[in-house]
N, C-alpha and C. Protein backbone atom coordinates (compact mmCIF):
# COMPACT_ATOMS: atom_id res chain seq x y z
N MET A 1 163.20 -28.91 -7.40
CA MET A 1 163.53 -28.31 -8.67
C MET A 1 163.02 -29.25 -9.76
N ARG A 2 162.40 -28.70 -10.76
CA ARG A 2 161.94 -29.50 -11.90
C ARG A 2 162.78 -29.14 -13.11
N LEU A 3 163.36 -30.16 -13.73
CA LEU A 3 164.20 -29.96 -14.91
C LEU A 3 163.72 -30.88 -16.02
N ALA A 4 163.74 -30.40 -17.24
CA ALA A 4 163.40 -31.23 -18.39
C ALA A 4 164.58 -32.11 -18.74
N VAL A 5 164.29 -33.34 -19.16
CA VAL A 5 165.32 -34.25 -19.63
C VAL A 5 164.91 -34.78 -21.00
N GLU A 6 165.89 -35.22 -21.76
CA GLU A 6 165.63 -35.81 -23.07
C GLU A 6 166.09 -37.25 -23.07
N LEU A 7 165.22 -38.15 -23.49
CA LEU A 7 165.54 -39.57 -23.59
C LEU A 7 165.81 -39.93 -25.04
N ILE A 8 166.86 -40.69 -25.27
CA ILE A 8 167.22 -41.13 -26.62
C ILE A 8 167.28 -42.65 -26.60
N GLU A 9 166.34 -43.28 -27.30
CA GLU A 9 166.27 -44.74 -27.30
C GLU A 9 167.17 -45.32 -28.39
N SER A 10 167.85 -46.41 -28.04
CA SER A 10 168.69 -47.13 -29.00
C SER A 10 168.53 -48.62 -28.74
N GLU A 11 169.24 -49.42 -29.49
CA GLU A 11 169.18 -50.87 -29.31
C GLU A 11 169.73 -51.29 -27.94
N GLU A 12 170.64 -50.50 -27.37
CA GLU A 12 171.25 -50.82 -26.08
C GLU A 12 170.41 -50.37 -24.89
N GLY A 13 169.45 -49.50 -25.11
CA GLY A 13 168.64 -48.97 -24.02
C GLY A 13 168.34 -47.50 -24.24
N PHE A 14 168.53 -46.70 -23.20
CA PHE A 14 168.21 -45.28 -23.26
C PHE A 14 169.38 -44.44 -22.78
N ALA A 15 169.69 -43.41 -23.53
CA ALA A 15 170.59 -42.36 -23.09
C ALA A 15 169.68 -41.22 -22.65
N VAL A 16 170.10 -40.46 -21.68
CA VAL A 16 169.28 -39.37 -21.18
C VAL A 16 170.18 -38.21 -20.79
N ARG A 17 169.71 -37.00 -21.09
CA ARG A 17 170.49 -35.82 -20.73
C ARG A 17 169.58 -34.75 -20.18
N CYS A 18 170.19 -33.86 -19.42
CA CYS A 18 169.48 -32.71 -18.90
C CYS A 18 170.05 -31.49 -19.61
N PRO A 19 169.35 -30.96 -20.61
CA PRO A 19 169.89 -29.87 -21.42
C PRO A 19 170.24 -28.61 -20.61
N ALA A 20 169.57 -28.38 -19.50
CA ALA A 20 169.84 -27.18 -18.71
C ALA A 20 171.17 -27.25 -17.97
N LEU A 21 171.71 -28.48 -17.81
CA LEU A 21 172.96 -28.65 -17.07
C LEU A 21 174.01 -29.23 -18.01
N PRO A 22 174.91 -28.40 -18.51
CA PRO A 22 175.90 -28.84 -19.50
C PRO A 22 176.70 -30.06 -19.03
N GLY A 23 176.74 -31.08 -19.88
CA GLY A 23 177.51 -32.28 -19.59
C GLY A 23 176.80 -33.28 -18.69
N CYS A 24 175.56 -33.03 -18.35
CA CYS A 24 174.82 -33.92 -17.45
C CYS A 24 174.08 -34.98 -18.28
N TRP A 25 174.70 -36.16 -18.39
CA TRP A 25 174.19 -37.28 -19.17
C TRP A 25 174.18 -38.53 -18.32
N SER A 26 173.33 -39.48 -18.67
CA SER A 26 173.35 -40.80 -18.06
C SER A 26 172.73 -41.78 -19.04
N GLN A 27 172.50 -43.00 -18.57
CA GLN A 27 171.92 -44.03 -19.44
C GLN A 27 171.30 -45.11 -18.59
N GLY A 28 170.58 -46.00 -19.25
CA GLY A 28 169.99 -47.15 -18.56
C GLY A 28 169.45 -48.13 -19.58
N LYS A 29 169.30 -49.37 -19.16
CA LYS A 29 168.76 -50.39 -20.07
C LYS A 29 167.28 -50.17 -20.33
N THR A 30 166.57 -49.62 -19.34
CA THR A 30 165.15 -49.33 -19.49
C THR A 30 164.92 -47.83 -19.29
N ARG A 31 163.72 -47.39 -19.66
CA ARG A 31 163.36 -45.98 -19.48
C ARG A 31 163.41 -45.61 -18.00
N SER A 32 162.85 -46.47 -17.14
CA SER A 32 162.84 -46.18 -15.70
C SER A 32 164.24 -46.13 -15.13
N GLU A 33 165.10 -47.05 -15.55
CA GLU A 33 166.48 -47.04 -15.06
C GLU A 33 167.21 -45.78 -15.51
N ALA A 34 166.99 -45.37 -16.75
CA ALA A 34 167.63 -44.15 -17.26
C ALA A 34 167.16 -42.93 -16.47
N LEU A 35 165.87 -42.86 -16.17
CA LEU A 35 165.35 -41.72 -15.41
C LEU A 35 165.89 -41.71 -13.98
N ALA A 36 166.00 -42.87 -13.36
CA ALA A 36 166.58 -42.95 -12.02
C ALA A 36 168.04 -42.50 -12.06
N ASN A 37 168.76 -42.93 -13.10
CA ASN A 37 170.18 -42.59 -13.22
C ASN A 37 170.39 -41.11 -13.48
N ILE A 38 169.50 -40.47 -14.26
CA ILE A 38 169.68 -39.04 -14.53
C ILE A 38 169.37 -38.23 -13.27
N ARG A 39 168.45 -38.70 -12.44
CA ARG A 39 168.20 -38.02 -11.16
C ARG A 39 169.48 -38.00 -10.32
N GLU A 40 170.15 -39.14 -10.28
CA GLU A 40 171.41 -39.22 -9.54
C GLU A 40 172.48 -38.34 -10.18
N ALA A 41 172.54 -38.35 -11.51
CA ALA A 41 173.53 -37.52 -12.22
C ALA A 41 173.30 -36.04 -11.97
N ILE A 42 172.04 -35.62 -11.91
CA ILE A 42 171.72 -34.22 -11.63
C ILE A 42 172.20 -33.84 -10.23
N ALA A 43 171.95 -34.71 -9.25
CA ALA A 43 172.41 -34.45 -7.89
C ALA A 43 173.94 -34.35 -7.83
N LEU A 44 174.62 -35.25 -8.53
CA LEU A 44 176.08 -35.23 -8.57
C LEU A 44 176.59 -33.98 -9.28
N TRP A 45 175.91 -33.56 -10.34
CA TRP A 45 176.28 -32.35 -11.08
C TRP A 45 176.19 -31.15 -10.14
N GLN A 46 175.10 -31.09 -9.36
CA GLN A 46 174.93 -29.98 -8.43
C GLN A 46 176.01 -30.00 -7.35
N ASP A 47 176.33 -31.19 -6.84
CA ASP A 47 177.40 -31.29 -5.84
C ASP A 47 178.73 -30.81 -6.40
N ALA A 48 179.03 -31.18 -7.64
CA ALA A 48 180.28 -30.75 -8.27
C ALA A 48 180.33 -29.24 -8.43
N ALA A 49 179.19 -28.63 -8.74
CA ALA A 49 179.14 -27.17 -8.87
C ALA A 49 179.47 -26.51 -7.55
N VAL A 50 178.97 -27.05 -6.46
CA VAL A 50 179.26 -26.50 -5.13
C VAL A 50 180.74 -26.69 -4.81
N GLU A 51 181.27 -27.88 -5.08
CA GLU A 51 182.68 -28.15 -4.81
C GLU A 51 183.60 -27.24 -5.61
N ASP A 52 183.17 -26.87 -6.81
CA ASP A 52 183.96 -25.98 -7.65
C ASP A 52 183.86 -24.53 -7.21
N GLY A 53 183.09 -24.29 -6.16
CA GLY A 53 182.97 -22.94 -5.63
C GLY A 53 181.84 -22.14 -6.25
N ASP A 54 181.03 -22.76 -7.09
CA ASP A 54 179.90 -22.07 -7.70
C ASP A 54 178.65 -22.35 -6.88
N ALA A 55 178.51 -21.69 -5.73
CA ALA A 55 177.35 -21.92 -4.88
C ALA A 55 176.06 -21.54 -5.60
N ALA A 56 176.16 -20.58 -6.51
CA ALA A 56 175.01 -20.24 -7.36
C ALA A 56 175.48 -20.37 -8.80
N LEU A 57 174.83 -21.23 -9.54
CA LEU A 57 175.25 -21.51 -10.91
C LEU A 57 174.06 -21.36 -11.83
N ALA A 58 174.18 -20.55 -12.85
CA ALA A 58 173.11 -20.39 -13.82
C ALA A 58 173.47 -21.18 -15.07
N ALA A 59 172.55 -21.99 -15.55
CA ALA A 59 172.77 -22.79 -16.74
C ALA A 59 171.49 -22.80 -17.55
N GLU A 60 171.53 -22.23 -18.74
CA GLU A 60 170.39 -22.21 -19.65
C GLU A 60 169.08 -21.83 -18.97
N GLY A 61 169.09 -20.72 -18.24
CA GLY A 61 167.86 -20.21 -17.65
C GLY A 61 167.49 -20.83 -16.32
N VAL A 62 168.28 -21.78 -15.84
CA VAL A 62 168.01 -22.39 -14.54
C VAL A 62 169.02 -21.86 -13.55
N THR A 63 168.57 -21.43 -12.41
CA THR A 63 169.49 -21.01 -11.37
C THR A 63 169.45 -22.04 -10.26
N PHE A 64 170.60 -22.57 -9.94
CA PHE A 64 170.73 -23.56 -8.88
C PHE A 64 171.50 -22.93 -7.75
N SER A 65 171.01 -23.10 -6.56
CA SER A 65 171.78 -22.67 -5.40
C SER A 65 171.58 -23.70 -4.30
N ARG A 66 172.58 -23.84 -3.47
CA ARG A 66 172.49 -24.79 -2.37
C ARG A 66 173.04 -24.11 -1.13
N GLU A 67 172.30 -24.26 -0.05
CA GLU A 67 172.71 -23.69 1.22
C GLU A 67 172.53 -24.73 2.29
N LEU A 68 173.32 -24.64 3.34
CA LEU A 68 173.18 -25.52 4.47
C LEU A 68 172.25 -24.89 5.48
N VAL A 69 171.36 -25.67 6.04
CA VAL A 69 170.47 -25.19 7.09
C VAL A 69 170.58 -26.13 8.28
N THR A 70 170.49 -25.58 9.46
CA THR A 70 170.52 -26.39 10.68
C THR A 70 169.10 -26.61 11.15
N VAL A 71 168.81 -27.85 11.48
CA VAL A 71 167.45 -28.20 11.92
C VAL A 71 167.49 -28.62 13.37
């Protein structure tokens, strides 16, 4: 899945958010750290959506779904 993120630079480092996923924010001292952290935040956001019983969740034009497959 490809999602756009917004980076906000400040004296402390970078804040980053994923506008398509409400409340999905993170931060980092460097741009790379902030991007790594938002990737983790997105994964955690998706896990929380599944735990809340929203196996399919639409947020600002993005549809997320997660299914288990046996390999």
